[in-house]
Amino acid sequence: MDGSDQRGQKQKARDNLQAIRLLKTCVAENHAPTPAEQQKIALFYGFGGLPYAFRRPNGKIESGWSDVALELEALTTEDELKSLRARTVDAQYTSDAVVSAIWDTVRQALLPDDLLHPDEPLAGEQPPAGVQPHAGAQPLQVLEPAVGSGVFLSLAPADVPMEFLAVEMDPITATVTKALHPHENIFNAPFQKVKFAETVDVVVGNPPFGRSKLLDMDRPDLTRVSPNTHGYFFAKSLDRLRPGGIAIMVVSRYLLDADMPEYRAFRVWLHNQAELVSAVRLPHTVFS
């Protein structure tokens, strides 16, 4: 298996509806999701690439999608629906294989050799019987600036102590992540509006791509240097990274291959801010 999501579009949408329905019930009944409910909530895919789950601008619904679109409207507030619709463009699916490979790289880069033993679990797996999380180790401080429904949190190595700062601007998706990871710090806000006093050891994620510049009222220097959305996510993430830390993020070719004049100043800034250790060119099918 390559870790890709084999569900069809309609099944992904129905799993989304099931997760939202469960979350709304938990809120109404004032209780945390049970383990069985968490398993169903974990099937939440998000609405990236699912525009048929929403009405068209002319108010019509795509043929065959009326049941999904109408239930989604019934389950959400106007603001929640608007936010979810906006995510159909920039909410990117990240395969388990890509996430696990990122965590394996973090493990190799930051953990001492004596903690890397041959029977350690793969990313996202529980330690074998008798193998305890590394005792006495200080937790790695990890930033996930566009956490979505929390796949990076769900697949983090279970035997490596970590504490997460995670950001998700969509309220429904942030609620999903909080339900699945109740002990982590999940900020429901645009990344440019979240103020961090902390610095971190690790940055991971698959930030949104886009041509728009993001306005950071508290850090106009980051606004000036960032030519677009994903540029800003890199800039703010690197700004919070401690010396000796590591950032491993999915990025479009429009950053690494961008040799146009409007991007050169940002590439120079990146070069001065951090050292490029390596880059991996992924096949275009990895996010389909």
C-alpha atoms as a PDB file:
ATOM      1  CA  MET A   1       0.000   0.000   0.000  1.00  0.00           C
ATOM      2  CA  ASP A   2       1.239   3.517  -0.801  1.00  0.00           C
ATOM      3  CA  GLY A   3      -0.755   5.148   1.963  1.00  0.00           C
ATOM      4  CA  SER A   4      -3.115   6.858  -0.473  1.00  0.00           C
ATOM      5  CA  ASP A   5      -6.807   7.248   0.294  1.00  0.00           C
ATOM      6  CA  GLN A   6      -8.745   4.840  -1.900  1.00  0.00           C
ATOM      7  CA  ARG A   7     -12.221   6.108  -0.997  1.00  0.00           C
ATOM      8  CA  GLY A   8     -14.320   7.643  -3.724  1.00  0.00           C
ATOM      9  CA  GLN A   9     -15.459  11.267  -3.562  1.00  0.00           C
ATOM     10  CA  LYS A  10     -18.962  10.435  -2.381  1.00  0.00           C
ATOM     11  CA  GLN A  11     -17.677   8.137   0.388  1.00  0.00           C
ATOM     12  CA  LYS A  12     -15.233  10.802   1.583  1.00  0.00           C
ATOM     13  CA  ALA A  13     -18.090  13.302   1.733  1.00  0.00           C
ATOM     14  CA  ARG A  14     -20.311  10.881   3.660  1.00  0.00           C
ATOM     15  CA  ASP A  15     -17.512  10.152   6.116  1.00  0.00           C
ATOM     16  CA  ASN A  16     -17.146  13.915   6.574  1.00  0.00           C
ATOM     17  CA  LEU A  17     -20.852  14.206   7.337  1.00  0.00           C
ATOM     18  CA  GLN A  18     -20.658  11.358   9.851  1.00  0.00           C
ATOM     19  CA  ALA A  19     -17.760  13.060  11.651  1.00  0.00           C
ATOM     20  CA  ILE A  20     -19.536  16.440  11.756  1.00  0.00           C
ATOM     21  CA  ARG A  21     -22.737  14.794  12.989  1.00  0.00           C
ATOM     22  CA  LEU A  22     -20.864  13.040  15.814  1.00  0.00           C
ATOM     23  CA  LEU A  23     -19.000  16.198  16.816  1.00  0.00           C
ATOM     24  CA  LYS A  24     -22.186  18.246  16.917  1.00  0.00           C
ATOM     25  CA  THR A  25     -23.822  15.573  19.100  1.00  0.00           C
ATOM     26  CA  CYS A  26     -20.862  15.542  21.496  1.00  0.00           C
ATOM     27  CA  VAL A  27     -21.033  19.319  21.826  1.00  0.00           C
ATOM     28  CA  ALA A  28     -24.792  19.285  22.368  1.00  0.00           C
ATOM     29  CA  GLU A  29     -24.505  16.535  25.014  1.00  0.00           C
ATOM     30  CA  ASN A  30     -21.387  18.115  26.562  1.00  0.00           C
ATOM     31  CA  HIS A  31     -19.143  15.043  26.455  1.00  0.00           C
ATOM     32  CA  ALA A  32     -15.865  14.073  24.821  1.00  0.00           C
ATOM     33  CA  PRO A  33     -16.003  11.525  21.984  1.00  0.00           C
ATOM     34  CA  THR A  34     -15.711   7.899  23.046  1.00  0.00           C
ATOM     35  CA  PRO A  35     -12.925   5.779  21.494  1.00  0.00           C
ATOM     36  CA  ALA A  36     -15.487   4.257  19.122  1.00  0.00           C
ATOM     37  CA  GLU A  37     -16.671   7.731  18.110  1.00  0.00           C
ATOM     38  CA  GLN A  38     -13.072   8.889  17.645  1.00  0.00           C
ATOM     39  CA  GLN A  39     -12.526   6.067  15.150  1.00  0.00           C
ATOM     40  CA  LYS A  40     -15.416   7.363  13.059  1.00  0.00           C
ATOM     41  CA  ILE A  41     -14.346  10.996  13.432  1.00  0.00           C
ATOM     42  CA  ALA A  42     -10.862   9.995  12.231  1.00  0.00           C
ATOM     43  CA  LEU A  43     -12.387   9.161   8.830  1.00  0.00           C
ATOM     44  CA  PHE A  44     -12.933  12.905   8.274  1.00  0.00           C
ATOM     45  CA  TYR A  45     -11.158  13.696   5.007  1.00  0.00           C
ATOM     46  CA  GLY A  46     -11.869  17.382   4.680  1.00  0.00           C
ATOM     47  CA  PHE A  47     -13.447  19.043   1.666  1.00  0.00           C
ATOM     48  CA  GLY A  48     -10.390  19.603  -0.507  1.00  0.00           C
ATOM     49  CA  GLY A  49     -11.349  18.490  -3.997  1.00  0.00           C
ATOM     50  CA  LEU A  50     -15.009  17.973  -3.042  1.00  0.00           C
ATOM     51  CA  PRO A  51     -16.770  21.009  -4.571  1.00  0.00           C
ATOM     52  CA  TYR A  52     -19.887  18.975  -5.404  1.00  0.00           C
ATOM     53  CA  ALA A  53     -20.692  18.790  -1.686  1.00  0.00           C
ATOM     54  CA  PHE A  54     -21.750  22.462  -1.977  1.00  0.00           C
ATOM     55  CA  ARG A  55     -24.232  24.401  -4.071  1.00  0.00           C
ATOM     56  CA  ARG A  56     -22.917  26.106  -7.175  1.00  0.00           C
ATOM     57  CA  PRO A  57     -22.867  29.921  -7.222  1.00  0.00           C
ATOM     58  CA  ASN A  58     -26.224  29.803  -9.049  1.00  0.00           C
ATOM     59  CA  GLY A  59     -27.756  27.835  -6.158  1.00  0.00           C
ATOM     60  CA  LYS A  60     -28.030  24.527  -8.002  1.00  0.00           C
ATOM     61  CA  ILE A  61     -26.630  21.237  -6.704  1.00  0.00           C
ATOM     62  CA  GLU A  62     -24.619  18.798  -8.801  1.00  0.00           C
ATOM     63  CA  SER A  63     -26.661  15.816  -9.969  1.00  0.00           C
ATOM     64  CA  GLY A  64     -26.377  12.928  -7.522  1.00  0.00           C
ATOM     65  CA  TRP A  65     -25.080  15.099  -4.673  1.00  0.00           C
ATOM     66  CA  SER A  66     -28.331  16.508  -3.259  1.00  0.00           C
ATOM     67  CA  ASP A  67     -28.328  14.246  -0.192  1.00  0.00           C
ATOM     68  CA  VAL A  68     -24.772  15.281   0.718  1.00  0.00           C
ATOM     69  CA  ALA A  69     -25.184  19.007   0.051  1.00  0.00           C
ATOM     70  CA  LEU A  70     -28.507  19.289   1.881  1.00  0.00           C
ATOM     71  CA  GLU A  71     -27.311  17.391   4.953  1.00  0.00           C
ATOM     72  CA  LEU A  72     -24.134  19.470   5.085  1.00  0.00           C
ATOM     73  CA  GLU A  73     -26.240  22.630   5.037  1.00  0.00           C
ATOM     74  CA  ALA A  74     -28.443  21.233   7.814  1.00  0.00           C
ATOM     75  CA  LEU A  75     -25.465  20.278   9.995  1.00  0.00           C
ATOM     76  CA  THR A  76     -23.496  23.524   9.775  1.00  0.00           C
ATOM     77  CA  THR A  77     -23.965  27.204  10.431  1.00  0.00           C
ATOM     78  CA  GLU A  78     -23.689  29.698   7.594  1.00  0.00           C
ATOM     79  CA  ASP A  79     -20.174  30.667   8.664  1.00  0.00           C
ATOM     80  CA  GLU A  80     -19.056  27.038   9.045  1.00  0.00           C
ATOM     81  CA  LEU A  81     -20.398  26.193   5.596  1.00  0.00           C
ATOM     82  CA  LYS A  82     -18.660  29.195   4.046  1.00  0.00           C
ATOM     83  CA  SER A  83     -15.365  28.216   5.651  1.00  0.00           C
ATOM     84  CA  LEU A  84     -15.627  24.592   4.495  1.00  0.00           C
ATOM     85  CA  ARG A  85     -16.480  25.690   0.955  1.00  0.00           C
ATOM     86  CA  ALA A  86     -13.367  27.872   0.874  1.00  0.00           C
ATOM     87  CA  ARG A  87     -11.242  24.831   1.728  1.00  0.00           C
ATOM     88  CA  THR A  88     -12.243  22.942  -1.440  1.00  0.00           C
ATOM     89  CA  VAL A  89      -9.414  24.783  -3.215  1.00  0.00           C
ATOM     90  CA  ASP A  90      -6.533  24.740  -0.733  1.00  0.00           C
ATOM     91  CA  ALA A  91      -7.138  21.780   1.606  1.00  0.00           C
ATOM     92  CA  GLN A  92      -4.525  19.321   0.356  1.00  0.00           C
ATOM     93  CA  TYR A  93      -4.612  15.598   1.089  1.00  0.00           C
ATOM     94  CA  THR A  94      -1.294  14.276   2.413  1.00  0.00           C
ATOM     95  CA  SER A  95      -0.778  10.524   2.102  1.00  0.00           C
ATOM     96  CA  ASP A  96       0.242   8.414   5.085  1.00  0.00           C
ATOM     97  CA  ALA A  97       3.366   7.358   3.183  1.00  0.00           C
ATOM     98  CA  VAL A  98       4.570  10.957   2.830  1.00  0.00           C
ATOM     99  CA  VAL A  99       3.806  11.781   6.473  1.00  0.00           C
ATOM    100  CA  SER A 100       5.553   8.647   7.757  1.00  0.00           C
ATOM    101  CA  ALA A 101       8.611   9.386   5.632  1.00  0.00           C
ATOM    102  CA  ILE A 102       8.779  12.889   7.108  1.00  0.00           C
ATOM    103  CA  TRP A 103       8.621  11.519  10.647  1.00  0.00           C
ATOM    104  CA  ASP A 104      11.314   8.949   9.877  1.00  0.00           C
ATOM    105  CA  THR A 105      13.541  11.791   8.674  1.00  0.00           C
ATOM    106  CA  VAL A 106      12.881  13.766  11.868  1.00  0.00           C
ATOM    107  CA  ARG A 107      13.817  10.700  13.897  1.00  0.00           C
ATOM    108  CA  GLN A 108      17.090  10.209  12.014  1.00  0.00           C
ATOM    109  CA  ALA A 109      18.002  13.887  12.102  1.00  0.00           C
ATOM    110  CA  LEU A 110      17.305  14.791  15.717  1.00  0.00           C
ATOM    111  CA  LEU A 111      17.392  11.701  17.908  1.00  0.00           C
ATOM    112  CA  PRO A 112      20.676  10.366  19.333  1.00  0.00           C
ATOM    113  CA  ASP A 113      21.948   7.117  17.836  1.00  0.00           C
ATOM    114  CA  ASP A 114      21.476   5.212  21.086  1.00  0.00           C
ATOM    115  CA  LEU A 115      17.746   5.929  20.908  1.00  0.00           C
ATOM    116  CA  LEU A 116      17.449   4.504  17.404  1.00  0.00           C
ATOM    117  CA  HIS A 117      17.056   0.791  18.056  1.00  0.00           C
ATOM    118  CA  PRO A 118      16.091  -1.798  15.411  1.00  0.00           C
ATOM    119  CA  ASP A 119      12.825  -2.842  17.060  1.00  0.00           C
ATOM    120  CA  GLU A 120      11.429   0.685  17.295  1.00  0.00           C
ATOM    121  CA  PRO A 121       7.989   1.233  15.800  1.00  0.00           C
ATOM    122  CA  LEU A 122       7.408   2.933  12.498  1.00  0.00           C
ATOM    123  CA  ALA A 123       5.802   6.351  12.507  1.00  0.00           C
ATOM    124  CA  GLY A 124       2.268   6.163  13.857  1.00  0.00           C
ATOM    125  CA  GLU A 125       2.660   2.656  15.335  1.00  0.00           C
ATOM    126  CA  GLN A 126       2.568   1.772  19.019  1.00  0.00           C
ATOM    127  CA  PRO A 127       5.814   0.566  20.621  1.00  0.00           C
ATOM    128  CA  PRO A 128       6.221  -3.222  20.835  1.00  0.00           C
ATOM    129  CA  ALA A 129       5.366  -4.862  24.160  1.00  0.00           C
ATOM    130  CA  GLY A 130       7.990  -3.973  26.733  1.00  0.00           C
ATOM    131  CA  VAL A 131       9.363  -0.990  24.784  1.00  0.00           C
ATOM    132  CA  GLN A 132       8.607   2.249  26.602  1.00  0.00           C
ATOM    133  CA  PRO A 133       8.747   5.804  25.257  1.00  0.00           C
ATOM    134  CA  HIS A 134      12.214   7.228  25.712  1.00  0.00           C
ATOM    135  CA  ALA A 135      12.361   7.853  29.454  1.00  0.00           C
ATOM    136  CA  GLY A 136      13.738  11.150  30.662  1.00  0.00           C
ATOM    137  CA  ALA A 137      13.892  12.735  27.228  1.00  0.00           C
ATOM    138  CA  GLN A 138      12.631  16.299  26.927  1.00  0.00           C
ATOM    139  CA  PRO A 139       9.642  16.415  24.565  1.00  0.00           C
ATOM    140  CA  LEU A 140      10.358  17.777  21.120  1.00  0.00           C
ATOM    141  CA  GLN A 141       8.425  20.991  20.544  1.00  0.00           C
ATOM    142  CA  VAL A 142       6.717  20.614  17.174  1.00  0.00           C
ATOM    143  CA  LEU A 143       4.876  23.200  15.074  1.00  0.00           C
ATOM    144  CA  GLU A 144       2.307  22.119  12.488  1.00  0.00           C
ATOM    145  CA  PRO A 145       1.124  25.393  10.892  1.00  0.00           C
ATOM    146  CA  ALA A 146      -1.662  23.924   8.743  1.00  0.00           C
ATOM    147  CA  VAL A 147      -2.722  20.849  10.676  1.00  0.00           C
ATOM    148  CA  GLY A 148      -5.997  20.070   8.923  1.00  0.00           C
ATOM    149  CA  SER A 149      -7.603  17.018  10.532  1.00  0.00           C
ATOM    150  CA  GLY A 150      -4.328  16.049  12.174  1.00  0.00           C
ATOM    151  CA  VAL A 151      -2.653  13.375  10.063  1.00  0.00           C
ATOM    152  CA  PHE A 152       0.831  14.501  11.166  1.00  0.00           C
ATOM    153  CA  LEU A 153      -0.274  14.256  14.799  1.00  0.00           C
ATOM    154  CA  SER A 154      -1.919  10.868  14.289  1.00  0.00           C
ATOM    155  CA  LEU A 155       1.163   9.338  12.655  1.00  0.00           C
ATOM    156  CA  ALA A 156       3.772  10.858  14.968  1.00  0.00           C
ATOM    157  CA  PRO A 157       6.113   8.194  16.446  1.00  0.00           C
ATOM    158  CA  ALA A 158       4.464   6.933  19.614  1.00  0.00           C
ATOM    159  CA  ASP A 159       7.742   6.353  21.482  1.00  0.00           C
ATOM    160  CA  VAL A 160       9.190   9.849  20.918  1.00  0.00           C
ATOM    161  CA  PRO A 161       8.007  12.486  23.412  1.00  0.00           C
ATOM    162  CA  MET A 162       6.486  15.431  21.533  1.00  0.00           C
ATOM    163  CA  GLU A 163       4.370  18.452  22.308  1.00  0.00           C
ATOM    164  CA  PHE A 164       2.511  20.077  19.433  1.00  0.00           C
ATOM    165  CA  LEU A 165       1.563  23.604  18.540  1.00  0.00           C
ATOM    166  CA  ALA A 166      -0.891  23.151  15.680  1.00  0.00           C
ATOM    167  CA  VAL A 167      -2.916  25.684  13.712  1.00  0.00           C
ATOM    168  CA  GLU A 168      -6.083  25.230  11.649  1.00  0.00           C
ATOM    169  CA  MET A 169      -8.216  28.126  10.436  1.00  0.00           C
ATOM    170  CA  ASP A 170     -11.388  26.161   9.603  1.00  0.00           C
ATOM    171  CA  PRO A 171     -13.531  25.702  12.753  1.00  0.00           C
ATOM    172  CA  ILE A 172     -15.024  22.313  11.824  1.00  0.00           C
ATOM    173  CA  THR A 173     -11.640  20.845  10.886  1.00  0.00           C
ATOM    174  CA  ALA A 174     -10.032  22.281  14.030  1.00  0.00           C
ATOM    175  CA  THR A 175     -12.789  20.661  16.115  1.00  0.00           C
ATOM    176  CA  VAL A 176     -12.034  17.319  14.449  1.00  0.00           C
ATOM    177  CA  THR A 177      -8.367  17.634  15.357  1.00  0.00           C
ATOM    178  CA  LYS A 178      -9.140  18.634  18.936  1.00  0.00           C
ATOM    179  CA  ALA A 179     -11.470  15.639  19.292  1.00  0.00           C
ATOM    180  CA  LEU A 180      -8.746  13.272  18.090  1.00  0.00           C
ATOM    181  CA  HIS A 181      -5.889  14.966  19.997  1.00  0.00           C
ATOM    182  CA  PRO A 182      -7.442  16.548  23.094  1.00  0.00           C
ATOM    183  CA  HIS A 183      -4.122  17.016  24.915  1.00  0.00           C
ATOM    184  CA  GLU A 184      -2.371  19.026  22.181  1.00  0.00           C
ATOM    185  CA  ASN A 185      -2.460  22.785  21.644  1.00  0.00           C
ATOM    186  CA  ILE A 186      -4.709  23.335  18.613  1.00  0.00           C
ATOM    187  CA  PHE A 187      -5.246  26.962  17.561  1.00  0.00           C
ATOM    188  CA  ASN A 188      -8.374  27.664  15.511  1.00  0.00           C
ATOM    189  CA  ALA A 189      -7.258  30.788  13.665  1.00  0.00           C
ATOM    190  CA  PRO A 190      -5.479  31.909  10.497  1.00  0.00           C
ATOM    191  CA  PHE A 191      -1.746  31.236  10.850  1.00  0.00           C
ATOM    192  CA  GLN A 192      -0.924  34.924  10.354  1.00  0.00           C
ATOM    193  CA  LYS A 193      -3.056  35.838  13.392  1.00  0.00           C
ATOM    194  CA  VAL A 194      -1.537  33.335  15.829  1.00  0.00           C
ATOM    195  CA  LYS A 195       1.092  34.824  18.148  1.00  0.00           C
ATOM    196  CA  PHE A 196       3.782  32.430  19.323  1.00  0.00           C
ATOM    197  CA  ALA A 197       6.048  33.211  22.233  1.00  0.00           C
ATOM    198  CA  GLU A 198       7.583  29.767  21.920  1.00  0.00           C
ATOM    199  CA  THR A 199      10.285  28.513  19.607  1.00  0.00           C
ATOM    200  CA  VAL A 200      10.208  24.928  18.378  1.00  0.00           C
ATOM    201  CA  ASP A 201      12.561  22.057  17.568  1.00  0.00           C
ATOM    202  CA  VAL A 202      10.642  20.771  14.548  1.00  0.00           C
ATOM    203  CA  VAL A 203       8.279  22.104  11.898  1.00  0.00           C
ATOM    204  CA  VAL A 204       6.290  19.642   9.798  1.00  0.00           C
ATOM    205  CA  GLY A 205       3.336  20.026   7.468  1.00  0.00           C
ATOM    206  CA  ASN A 206       1.798  20.517   4.076  1.00  0.00           C
ATOM    207  CA  PRO A 207       0.919  24.237   4.020  1.00  0.00           C
ATOM    208  CA  PRO A 208      -1.619  25.694   1.597  1.00  0.00           C
ATOM    209  CA  PHE A 209      -0.369  26.989  -1.738  1.00  0.00           C
ATOM    210  CA  GLY A 210      -1.624  30.190  -3.314  1.00  0.00           C
ATOM    211  CA  ARG A 211      -0.658  33.440  -4.990  1.00  0.00           C
ATOM    212  CA  SER A 212      -2.203  35.694  -2.346  1.00  0.00           C
ATOM    213  CA  LYS A 213       0.002  37.584   0.098  1.00  0.00           C
ATOM    214  CA  LEU A 214      -0.976  37.140   3.735  1.00  0.00           C
ATOM    215  CA  LEU A 215      -1.078  40.201   5.955  1.00  0.00           C
ATOM    216  CA  ASP A 216       0.587  39.786   9.347  1.00  0.00           C
ATOM    217  CA  MET A 217      -0.148  42.943  11.333  1.00  0.00           C
ATOM    218  CA  ASP A 218       2.304  41.966  14.081  1.00  0.00           C
ATOM    219  CA  ARG A 219       5.138  40.956  11.755  1.00  0.00           C
ATOM    220  CA  PRO A 220       5.150  43.252   8.722  1.00  0.00           C
ATOM    221  CA  ASP A 221       8.679  42.013   7.972  1.00  0.00           C
ATOM    222  CA  LEU A 222       7.280  38.539   7.268  1.00  0.00           C
ATOM    223  CA  THR A 223       4.532  40.026   5.114  1.00  0.00           C
ATOM    224  CA  ARG A 224       7.077  42.007   3.065  1.00  0.00           C
ATOM    225  CA  VAL A 225       9.445  39.113   2.454  1.00  0.00           C
ATOM    226  CA  SER A 226       6.778  36.513   1.582  1.00  0.00           C
ATOM    227  CA  PRO A 227       5.660  36.624  -2.060  1.00  0.00           C
ATOM    228  CA  ASN A 228       2.644  34.323  -1.617  1.00  0.00           C
ATOM    229  CA  THR A 229       0.699  32.106   0.787  1.00  0.00           C
ATOM    230  CA  HIS A 230       3.114  29.179   1.047  1.00  0.00           C
ATOM    231  CA  GLY A 231       6.041  31.589   1.197  1.00  0.00           C
ATOM    232  CA  TYR A 232       4.527  33.150   4.315  1.00  0.00           C
ATOM    233  CA  PHE A 233       3.986  29.751   5.942  1.00  0.00           C
ATOM    234  CA  PHE A 234       7.663  28.949   5.399  1.00  0.00           C
ATOM    235  CA  ALA A 235       8.801  32.349   6.628  1.00  0.00           C
ATOM    236  CA  LYS A 236       6.821  32.325   9.874  1.00  0.00           C
ATOM    237  CA  SER A 237       7.642  28.673  10.539  1.00  0.00           C
ATOM    238  CA  LEU A 238      11.378  29.239  10.102  1.00  0.00           C
ATOM    239  CA  ASP A 239      11.142  32.344  12.272  1.00  0.00           C
ATOM    240  CA  ARG A 240       9.901  30.132  15.139  1.00  0.00           C
ATOM    241  CA  LEU A 241      12.512  27.378  14.585  1.00  0.00           C
ATOM    242  CA  ARG A 242      15.340  27.112  17.103  1.00  0.00           C
ATOM    243  CA  PRO A 243      18.979  27.008  15.947  1.00  0.00           C
ATOM    244  CA  GLY A 244      19.728  23.386  15.128  1.00  0.00           C
ATOM    245  CA  GLY A 245      16.072  22.551  14.562  1.00  0.00           C
ATOM    246  CA  ILE A 246      14.659  21.056  11.402  1.00  0.00           C
ATOM    247  CA  ALA A 247      11.729  21.985   9.160  1.00  0.00           C
ATOM    248  CA  ILE A 248      10.373  19.348   6.781  1.00  0.00           C
ATOM    249  CA  MET A 249       7.441  20.552   4.746  1.00  0.00           C
ATOM    250  CA  VAL A 250       5.719  19.719   1.508  1.00  0.00           C
ATOM    251  CA  VAL A 251       6.190  22.556  -0.968  1.00  0.00           C
ATOM    252  CA  SER A 252       5.108  23.135  -4.537  1.00  0.00           C
ATOM    253  CA  ARG A 253       7.599  23.460  -7.360  1.00  0.00           C
ATOM    254  CA  TYR A 254       6.634  27.134  -7.468  1.00  0.00           C
ATOM    255  CA  LEU A 255       8.922  27.686  -4.496  1.00  0.00           C
ATOM    256  CA  LEU A 256      11.904  25.494  -5.331  1.00  0.00           C
ATOM    257  CA  ASP A 257      11.795  26.223  -9.066  1.00  0.00           C
ATOM    258  CA  ALA A 258      10.800  29.882  -8.793  1.00  0.00           C
ATOM    259  CA  ASP A 259      13.655  31.806 -10.395  1.00  0.00           C
ATOM    260  CA  MET A 260      11.546  34.799 -11.398  1.00  0.00           C
ATOM    261  CA  PRO A 261      12.574  38.267 -10.190  1.00  0.00           C
ATOM    262  CA  GLU A 262       9.620  38.583  -7.796  1.00  0.00           C
ATOM    263  CA  TYR A 263      10.730  35.434  -5.936  1.00  0.00           C
ATOM    264  CA  ARG A 264      14.481  35.941  -5.810  1.00  0.00           C
ATOM    265  CA  ALA A 265      14.476  38.157  -2.719  1.00  0.00           C
ATOM    266  CA  PHE A 266      12.499  35.511  -0.828  1.00  0.00           C
ATOM    267  CA  ARG A 267      14.867  32.749  -1.948  1.00  0.00           C
ATOM    268  CA  VAL A 268      17.807  34.825  -0.690  1.00  0.00           C
ATOM    269  CA  TRP A 269      15.963  35.294   2.622  1.00  0.00           C
ATOM    270  CA  LEU A 270      15.434  31.528   2.902  1.00  0.00           C
ATOM    271  CA  HIS A 271      19.115  30.937   2.161  1.00  0.00           C
ATOM    272  CA  ASN A 272      20.130  33.356   4.912  1.00  0.00           C
ATOM    273  CA  GLN A 273      17.578  32.018   7.415  1.00  0.00           C
ATOM    274  CA  ALA A 274      18.239  28.295   7.119  1.00  0.00           C
ATOM    275  CA  GLU A 275      20.416  25.679   5.465  1.00  0.00           C
ATOM    276  CA  LEU A 276      18.858  23.435   2.833  1.00  0.00           C
ATOM    277  CA  VAL A 277      19.778  19.917   3.924  1.00  0.00           C
ATOM    278  CA  SER A 278      18.021  18.030   1.128  1.00  0.00           C
ATOM    279  CA  ALA A 279      14.989  18.040  -1.128  1.00  0.00           C
ATOM    280  CA  VAL A 280      12.953  15.198  -2.581  1.00  0.00           C
ATOM    281  CA  ARG A 281      10.995  15.559  -5.814  1.00  0.00           C
ATOM    282  CA  LEU A 282       7.667  13.750  -5.376  1.00  0.00           C
ATOM    283  CA  PRO A 283       5.630  12.297  -8.261  1.00  0.00           C
ATOM    284  CA  HIS A 284       2.625  14.392  -9.240  1.00  0.00           C
ATOM    285  CA  THR A 285       0.271  11.504  -8.365  1.00  0.00           C
ATOM    286  CA  VAL A 286       1.213  11.464  -4.678  1.00  0.00           C
ATOM    287  CA  PHE A 287      -1.576  13.902  -3.729  1.00  0.00           C
ATOM    288  CA  SER A 288      -4.274  12.580  -6.032  1.00  0.00           C
END
